[in-house]
C-alpha atoms as a PDB file:
ATOM      1  CA  MET A   1      20.877  -5.521  -1.994  1.00  0.00           C
ATOM      2  CA  SER A   2      17.158  -5.715  -2.680  1.00  0.00           C
ATOM      3  CA  ALA A   3      14.967  -2.652  -3.043  1.00  0.00           C
ATOM      4  CA  VAL A   4      11.606  -3.063  -1.307  1.00  0.00           C
ATOM      5  CA  ILE A   5       9.165  -0.385  -2.419  1.00  0.00           C
ATOM      6  CA  ALA A   6       5.843  -0.028  -0.609  1.00  0.00           C
ATOM      7  CA  PHE A   7       3.169   1.827  -2.570  1.00  0.00           C
ATOM      8  CA  SER A   8       0.944   3.950  -0.368  1.00  0.00           C
ATOM      9  CA  GLY A   9      -1.839   6.515  -0.511  1.00  0.00           C
ATOM     10  CA  ALA A  10      -5.373   7.009  -1.778  1.00  0.00           C
ATOM     11  CA  SER A  11      -7.336   4.628  -3.944  1.00  0.00           C
ATOM     12  CA  ASN A  12      -7.322   5.404  -7.662  1.00  0.00           C
ATOM     13  CA  SER A  13      -3.829   6.865  -7.885  1.00  0.00           C
ATOM     14  CA  GLY A  14      -2.383   4.462 -10.443  1.00  0.00           C
ATOM     15  CA  LYS A  15      -0.367   2.309  -8.025  1.00  0.00           C
ATOM     16  CA  THR A  16      -1.140  -1.008  -9.715  1.00  0.00           C
ATOM     17  CA  THR A  17      -0.504   0.423 -13.191  1.00  0.00           C
ATOM     18  CA  LEU A  18       2.915   1.718 -12.174  1.00  0.00           C
ATOM     19  CA  MET A  19       3.816  -1.497 -10.352  1.00  0.00           C
ATOM     20  CA  ASP A  20       3.115  -3.434 -13.546  1.00  0.00           C
ATOM     21  CA  ALA A  21       5.319  -1.043 -15.524  1.00  0.00           C
ATOM     22  CA  MET A  22       8.139  -1.290 -12.970  1.00  0.00           C
ATOM     23  CA  LYS A  23       7.988  -5.091 -12.955  1.00  0.00           C
ATOM     24  CA  LYS A  24       8.158  -5.141 -16.749  1.00  0.00           C
ATOM     25  CA  TYR A  25      11.130  -2.744 -16.793  1.00  0.00           C
ATOM     26  CA  CYS A  26      12.981  -4.680 -14.073  1.00  0.00           C
ATOM     27  CA  ILE A  27      12.578  -7.993 -15.919  1.00  0.00           C
ATOM     28  CA  GLU A  28      13.658  -6.396 -19.206  1.00  0.00           C
ATOM     29  CA  GLN A  29      16.811  -5.020 -17.571  1.00  0.00           C
ATOM     30  CA  HIS A  30      17.701  -7.808 -15.148  1.00  0.00           C
ATOM     31  CA  GLY A  31      15.885 -10.947 -16.259  1.00  0.00           C
ATOM     32  CA  GLU A  32      13.128 -13.243 -15.048  1.00  0.00           C
ATOM     33  CA  GLY A  33      13.016 -13.642 -11.296  1.00  0.00           C
ATOM     34  CA  SER A  34      14.411 -10.159 -10.648  1.00  0.00           C
ATOM     35  CA  CYS A  35      11.084  -8.805  -9.362  1.00  0.00           C
ATOM     36  CA  MET A  36       8.573  -9.973  -6.761  1.00  0.00           C
ATOM     37  CA  VAL A  37       5.128  -8.449  -6.181  1.00  0.00           C
ATOM     38  CA  LEU A  38       3.076  -8.615  -2.983  1.00  0.00           C
ATOM     39  CA  GLY A  39      -0.395  -7.693  -4.221  1.00  0.00           C
ATOM     40  CA  GLU A  40      -3.240  -6.185  -2.255  1.00  0.00           C
ATOM     41  CA  VAL A  41      -4.888  -9.001  -0.285  1.00  0.00           C
ATOM     42  CA  ILE A  42      -8.427  -7.712  -0.819  1.00  0.00           C
ATOM     43  CA  ARG A  43      -8.099  -8.291  -4.571  1.00  0.00           C
ATOM     44  CA  LYS A  44      -7.717 -12.043  -4.019  1.00  0.00           C
ATOM     45  CA  GLU A  45     -11.443 -12.460  -3.399  1.00  0.00           C
ATOM     46  CA  PRO A  46     -14.633 -11.038  -4.932  1.00  0.00           C
ATOM     47  CA  VAL A  47     -15.945  -8.453  -2.505  1.00  0.00           C
ATOM     48  CA  ASP A  48     -18.417  -5.555  -2.429  1.00  0.00           C
ATOM     49  CA  ILE A  49     -16.514  -3.126  -0.227  1.00  0.00           C
ATOM     50  CA  ASN A  50     -19.472  -0.728   0.013  1.00  0.00           C
ATOM     51  CA  LYS A  51     -21.740  -3.477   1.361  1.00  0.00           C
ATOM     52  CA  ILE A  52     -19.173  -4.838   3.821  1.00  0.00           C
ATOM     53  CA  ARG A  53     -18.480  -1.405   5.309  1.00  0.00           C
ATOM     54  CA  GLN A  54     -22.170  -1.010   6.120  1.00  0.00           C
ATOM     55  CA  ASN A  55     -21.730  -3.778   8.694  1.00  0.00           C
ATOM     56  CA  PRO A  56     -18.976  -2.742  11.160  1.00  0.00           C
ATOM     57  CA  SER A  57     -18.716  -6.241  12.661  1.00  0.00           C
ATOM     58  CA  GLU A  58     -18.287  -7.864   9.253  1.00  0.00           C
ATOM     59  CA  TYR A  59     -15.798  -5.231   8.124  1.00  0.00           C
ATOM     60  CA  LEU A  60     -13.766  -5.743  11.304  1.00  0.00           C
ATOM     61  CA  LYS A  61     -13.647  -9.497  10.620  1.00  0.00           C
ATOM     62  CA  LYS A  62     -12.497  -8.856   7.068  1.00  0.00           C
ATOM     63  CA  GLN A  63      -9.810  -6.434   8.196  1.00  0.00           C
ATOM     64  CA  VAL A  64      -8.510  -8.962  10.712  1.00  0.00           C
ATOM     65  CA  GLN A  65      -8.276 -11.455   7.837  1.00  0.00           C
ATOM     66  CA  TRP A  66      -6.845  -9.102   5.178  1.00  0.00           C
ATOM     67  CA  THR A  67      -4.418  -7.231   7.400  1.00  0.00           C
ATOM     68  CA  GLY A  68      -3.277 -10.384   9.160  1.00  0.00           C
ATOM     69  CA  GLU A  69      -2.435 -11.949   5.793  1.00  0.00           C
ATOM     70  CA  LYS A  70      -0.644  -8.789   4.679  1.00  0.00           C
ATOM     71  CA  MET A  71       1.515  -8.677   7.810  1.00  0.00           C
ATOM     72  CA  ARG A  72       2.342 -12.374   7.375  1.00  0.00           C
ATOM     73  CA  MET A  73       3.456 -11.874   3.764  1.00  0.00           C
ATOM     74  CA  GLU A  74       5.604  -8.897   4.697  1.00  0.00           C
ATOM     75  CA  ARG A  75       7.201 -10.718   7.643  1.00  0.00           C
ATOM     76  CA  GLU A  76       8.358 -13.457   5.286  1.00  0.00           C
ATOM     77  CA  LEU A  77      10.596 -10.871   3.617  1.00  0.00           C
ATOM     78  CA  PHE A  78      12.808 -11.031   6.717  1.00  0.00           C
ATOM     79  CA  TRP A  79      13.668 -14.660   6.010  1.00  0.00           C
ATOM     80  CA  ILE A  80      13.643 -15.266   2.261  1.00  0.00           C
ATOM     81  CA  ASP A  81      16.274 -14.470  -0.341  1.00  0.00           C
ATOM     82  CA  LYS A  82      14.718 -11.438  -1.979  1.00  0.00           C
ATOM     83  CA  PRO A  83      15.154 -10.569  -5.674  1.00  0.00           C
ATOM     84  CA  ARG A  84      16.506  -7.241  -6.888  1.00  0.00           C
ATOM     85  CA  LEU A  85      13.091  -5.563  -6.620  1.00  0.00           C
ATOM     86  CA  VAL A  86      10.128  -6.220  -4.317  1.00  0.00           C
ATOM     87  CA  LEU A  87       6.921  -4.247  -4.882  1.00  0.00           C
ATOM     88  CA  ILE A  88       4.317  -4.086  -2.090  1.00  0.00           C
ATOM     89  CA  ASP A  89       0.820  -2.879  -2.930  1.00  0.00           C
ATOM     90  CA  ARG A  90       0.108  -0.564   0.040  1.00  0.00           C
ATOM     91  CA  SER A  91       2.175  -0.027   3.154  1.00  0.00           C
ATOM     92  CA  LEU A  92       0.777  -0.919   6.552  1.00  0.00           C
ATOM     93  CA  ALA A  93       0.110   2.804   7.027  1.00  0.00           C
ATOM     94  CA  ASP A  94      -2.733   2.318   4.558  1.00  0.00           C
ATOM     95  CA  SER A  95      -4.088  -0.627   6.546  1.00  0.00           C
ATOM     96  CA  LEU A  96      -3.985   1.429   9.728  1.00  0.00           C
ATOM     97  CA  PHE A  97      -5.985   4.189   8.053  1.00  0.00           C
ATOM     98  CA  TYR A  98      -8.693   1.861   6.712  1.00  0.00           C
ATOM     99  CA  ILE A  99      -9.039   0.196  10.103  1.00  0.00           C
ATOM    100  CA  SER A 100      -9.335   3.432  12.071  1.00  0.00           C
ATOM    101  CA  PHE A 101     -11.336   5.509   9.556  1.00  0.00           C
ATOM    102  CA  TYR A 102     -13.927   3.094   8.167  1.00  0.00           C
ATOM    103  CA  ILE A 103     -14.807   0.917  11.153  1.00  0.00           C
ATOM    104  CA  ASP A 104     -17.636   2.481  13.177  1.00  0.00           C
ATOM    105  CA  LYS A 105     -16.493   1.682  16.709  1.00  0.00           C
ATOM    106  CA  SER A 106     -19.803   2.854  18.215  1.00  0.00           C
ATOM    107  CA  GLN A 107     -21.536  -0.138  16.593  1.00  0.00           C
ATOM    108  CA  LEU A 108     -19.148  -2.790  17.926  1.00  0.00           C
ATOM    109  CA  SER A 109     -19.742  -4.989  20.947  1.00  0.00           C
ATOM    110  CA  LYS A 110     -17.343  -4.905  23.894  1.00  0.00           C
ATOM    111  CA  GLU A 111     -15.580  -8.036  22.668  1.00  0.00           C
ATOM    112  CA  GLU A 112     -15.339  -6.618  19.153  1.00  0.00           C
ATOM    113  CA  LEU A 113     -13.865  -3.408  20.543  1.00  0.00           C
ATOM    114  CA  LYS A 114     -11.173  -5.466  22.273  1.00  0.00           C
ATOM    115  CA  GLN A 115     -10.493  -7.203  18.956  1.00  0.00           C
ATOM    116  CA  PHE A 116     -10.315  -3.825  17.223  1.00  0.00           C
ATOM    117  CA  ALA A 117      -7.899  -2.436  19.821  1.00  0.00           C
ATOM    118  CA  PHE A 118      -5.657  -5.506  19.541  1.00  0.00           C
ATOM    119  CA  LEU A 119      -5.614  -5.273  15.733  1.00  0.00           C
ATOM    120  CA  TYR A 120      -4.832  -1.550  15.824  1.00  0.00           C
ATOM    121  CA  LYS A 121      -1.909  -2.057  18.211  1.00  0.00           C
ATOM    122  CA  GLU A 122      -0.569  -5.025  16.239  1.00  0.00           C
ATOM    123  CA  VAL A 123      -0.644  -3.108  12.960  1.00  0.00           C
ATOM    124  CA  SER A 124       0.960  -0.046  14.581  1.00  0.00           C
ATOM    125  CA  TYR A 125       3.798  -2.122  16.028  1.00  0.00           C
ATOM    126  CA  THR A 126       4.337  -4.023  12.782  1.00  0.00           C
ATOM    127  CA  LEU A 127       4.283  -0.816  10.721  1.00  0.00           C
ATOM    128  CA  GLN A 128       6.998   0.664  12.922  1.00  0.00           C
ATOM    129  CA  GLU A 129       9.091  -2.497  12.583  1.00  0.00           C
ATOM    130  CA  HIS A 130       8.598  -2.913   8.836  1.00  0.00           C
ATOM    131  CA  GLY A 131       9.066   0.784   8.196  1.00  0.00           C
ATOM    132  CA  ARG A 132      12.485   0.451   9.770  1.00  0.00           C
ATOM    133  CA  TYR A 133      13.613  -2.954   8.517  1.00  0.00           C
ATOM    134  CA  VAL A 134      11.505  -4.016   5.491  1.00  0.00           C
ATOM    135  CA  TYR A 135      10.559  -1.029   3.340  1.00  0.00           C
ATOM    136  CA  THR A 136      13.628   0.524   1.735  1.00  0.00           C
ATOM    137  CA  HIS A 137      11.552   3.029  -0.243  1.00  0.00           C
ATOM    138  CA  LEU A 138       8.000   4.346  -0.134  1.00  0.00           C
ATOM    139  CA  PHE A 139       6.105   5.773  -3.083  1.00  0.00           C
ATOM    140  CA  ALA A 140       2.967   7.841  -2.468  1.00  0.00           C
ATOM    141  CA  PRO A 141       1.425   8.779  -5.830  1.00  0.00           C
ATOM    142  CA  ALA A 142      -0.976  11.701  -5.958  1.00  0.00           C
ATOM    143  CA  PRO A 143      -4.660  10.814  -6.437  1.00  0.00           C
ATOM    144  CA  ILE A 144      -6.135  10.703  -9.935  1.00  0.00           C
ATOM    145  CA  LYS A 145      -9.418  12.611 -10.000  1.00  0.00           C
ATOM    146  CA  LYS A 146     -11.034  10.576 -12.762  1.00  0.00           C
ATOM    147  CA  ILE A 147     -12.337   7.575 -10.830  1.00  0.00           C
ATOM    148  CA  ASP A 148     -11.950   4.121 -12.344  1.00  0.00           C
ATOM    149  CA  HIS A 149     -14.656   1.994 -10.707  1.00  0.00           C
ATOM    150  CA  ASP A 150     -13.148  -1.483 -10.851  1.00  0.00           C
ATOM    151  CA  GLY A 151     -15.369  -3.202  -8.297  1.00  0.00           C
ATOM    152  CA  TYR A 152     -12.972  -2.669  -5.375  1.00  0.00           C
ATOM    153  CA  ARG A 153     -13.346   1.096  -5.121  1.00  0.00           C
ATOM    154  CA  TYR A 154     -16.158   2.529  -3.075  1.00  0.00           C
ATOM    155  CA  GLU A 155     -18.962   5.044  -3.317  1.00  0.00           C
ATOM    156  CA  ASN A 156     -18.021   8.649  -2.489  1.00  0.00           C
ATOM    157  CA  LEU A 157     -14.333   8.031  -3.242  1.00  0.00           C
ATOM    158  CA  ASN A 158     -14.336  11.302  -5.186  1.00  0.00           C
ATOM    159  CA  ILE A 159     -15.268  13.093  -1.948  1.00  0.00           C
ATOM    160  CA  LEU A 160     -12.917  11.272   0.423  1.00  0.00           C
ATOM    161  CA  GLN A 161      -9.950  10.679  -1.885  1.00  0.00           C
ATOM    162  CA  ASP A 162      -7.906  13.672  -0.699  1.00  0.00           C
ATOM    163  CA  ILE A 163      -8.619  12.860   2.956  1.00  0.00           C
ATOM    164  CA  GLU A 164      -7.438   9.292   2.388  1.00  0.00           C
ATOM    165  CA  TYR A 165      -4.234  10.536   0.801  1.00  0.00           C
ATOM    166  CA  GLU A 166      -3.388  13.110   3.451  1.00  0.00           C
ATOM    167  CA  GLU A 167      -4.170  10.850   6.405  1.00  0.00           C
ATOM    168  CA  ILE A 168      -2.171   7.942   5.014  1.00  0.00           C
ATOM    169  CA  ILE A 169       0.760  10.266   4.366  1.00  0.00           C
ATOM    170  CA  LYS A 170       0.499  11.420   7.998  1.00  0.00           C
ATOM    171  CA  ASN A 171       0.600   7.787   9.166  1.00  0.00           C
ATOM    172  CA  ASN A 172       3.739   7.107   7.147  1.00  0.00           C
ATOM    173  CA  GLU A 173       5.425  10.237   8.476  1.00  0.00           C
ATOM    174  CA  TYR A 174       4.386   9.549  12.075  1.00  0.00           C
ATOM    175  CA  PHE A 175       5.969   6.110  11.944  1.00  0.00           C
ATOM    176  CA  GLY A 176       9.250   7.490  10.614  1.00  0.00           C
ATOM    177  CA  LEU A 177       8.898   6.818   6.889  1.00  0.00           C
ATOM    178  CA  GLY A 178       9.022  10.420   5.719  1.00  0.00           C
ATOM    179  CA  HIS A 179      12.680  10.210   4.665  1.00  0.00           C
ATOM    180  CA  LYS A 180      11.957   7.112   2.553  1.00  0.00           C
ATOM    181  CA  MET A 181       8.925   8.612   0.836  1.00  0.00           C
ATOM    182  CA  PHE A 182       8.757   9.889  -2.740  1.00  0.00           C
ATOM    183  CA  LYS A 183       5.695  11.712  -4.057  1.00  0.00           C
ATOM    184  CA  GLY A 184       4.902  12.086  -7.725  1.00  0.00           C
ATOM    185  CA  HIS A 185       2.328  11.803 -10.487  1.00  0.00           C
ATOM    186  CA  ILE A 186       1.972   8.508 -12.294  1.00  0.00           C
ATOM    187  CA  ASN A 187       1.949  10.128 -15.742  1.00  0.00           C
ATOM    188  CA  GLU A 188       5.556  11.149 -15.161  1.00  0.00           C
ATOM    189  CA  TRP A 189       6.495   7.510 -15.711  1.00  0.00           C
ATOM    190  CA  TYR A 190       4.952   7.409 -19.171  1.00  0.00           C
ATOM    191  CA  SER A 191       5.793  10.845 -20.591  1.00  0.00           C
ATOM    192  CA  ASN A 192       9.374  11.729 -21.577  1.00  0.00           C
ATOM    193  CA  PHE A 193      10.705   8.625 -19.816  1.00  0.00           C
ATOM    194  CA  GLU A 194      14.376   9.629 -19.864  1.00  0.00           C
ATOM    195  CA  GLU A 195      13.906  12.945 -18.090  1.00  0.00           C
ATOM    196  CA  ARG A 196      10.921  12.965 -15.771  1.00  0.00           C
ATOM    197  CA  GLU A 197      11.706  12.874 -12.060  1.00  0.00           C
ATOM    198  CA  LEU A 198       9.610   9.813 -11.185  1.00  0.00           C
ATOM    199  CA  ALA A 199      11.044   7.761 -14.044  1.00  0.00           C
ATOM    200  CA  LEU A 200      14.587   8.578 -12.973  1.00  0.00           C
ATOM    201  CA  TRP A 201      13.820   7.731  -9.343  1.00  0.00           C
ATOM    202  CA  VAL A 202      12.384   4.364 -10.374  1.00  0.00           C
ATOM    203  CA  LYS A 203      15.188   3.509 -12.792  1.00  0.00           C
ATOM    204  CA  ASN A 204      17.886   4.395 -10.267  1.00  0.00           C
ATOM    205  CA  ILE A 205      16.332   2.140  -7.615  1.00  0.00           C
ATOM    206  CA  ILE A 206      15.906  -0.794  -9.993  1.00  0.00           C
ATOM    207  CA  ASN A 207      19.442  -0.401 -11.336  1.00  0.00           C
ATOM    208  CA  GLY A 208      20.942  -0.127  -7.826  1.00  0.00           C
ATOM    209  CA  LYS A 209      21.925   3.533  -8.003  1.00  0.00           C
ATOM    210  CA  GLN A 210      19.704   4.827  -5.190  1.00  0.00           C
END
């Protein structure tokens, strides 16, 4: 049986770093083709997230594009033969947060508001479905306070980081993912690998023991 882990939570929490480490470990233990990664859609194109968010209409269009592509990729997991480990960069609970928190609805036209409402409902429905049938595990790493500005992170992240984390956690719990969720600090993977709680959780999933 495949393990499908969705990574969720605030920006700058080490999700991508840990996913890379987990992929490497899985391949070392179980061979090439044992791990599949669904990356964050936004990282597929050069984008200035701060500039886009200043234009609610443009940001709505981008979210329709990004989130639609994310839902499509996740839906394919219903039909394909999945490898031992599938890693998803962000659950749909994250998408729901970014849509509801960062789009200024007061600046949208009536037609854009209808588009927003449709997108919100579609993501909510899909999150409920995928939370039940796609994600087998959810990892929500705690935010790292030292901000790594990689071009995709935004201004004032240091102020809003904790709000992001808590609200995304609430979304996951509201849609019934609380029992699948594991919280930890990324550095637990790298220090004292054989004993730290996060490392054991990861190893047990990859090796089919959890």
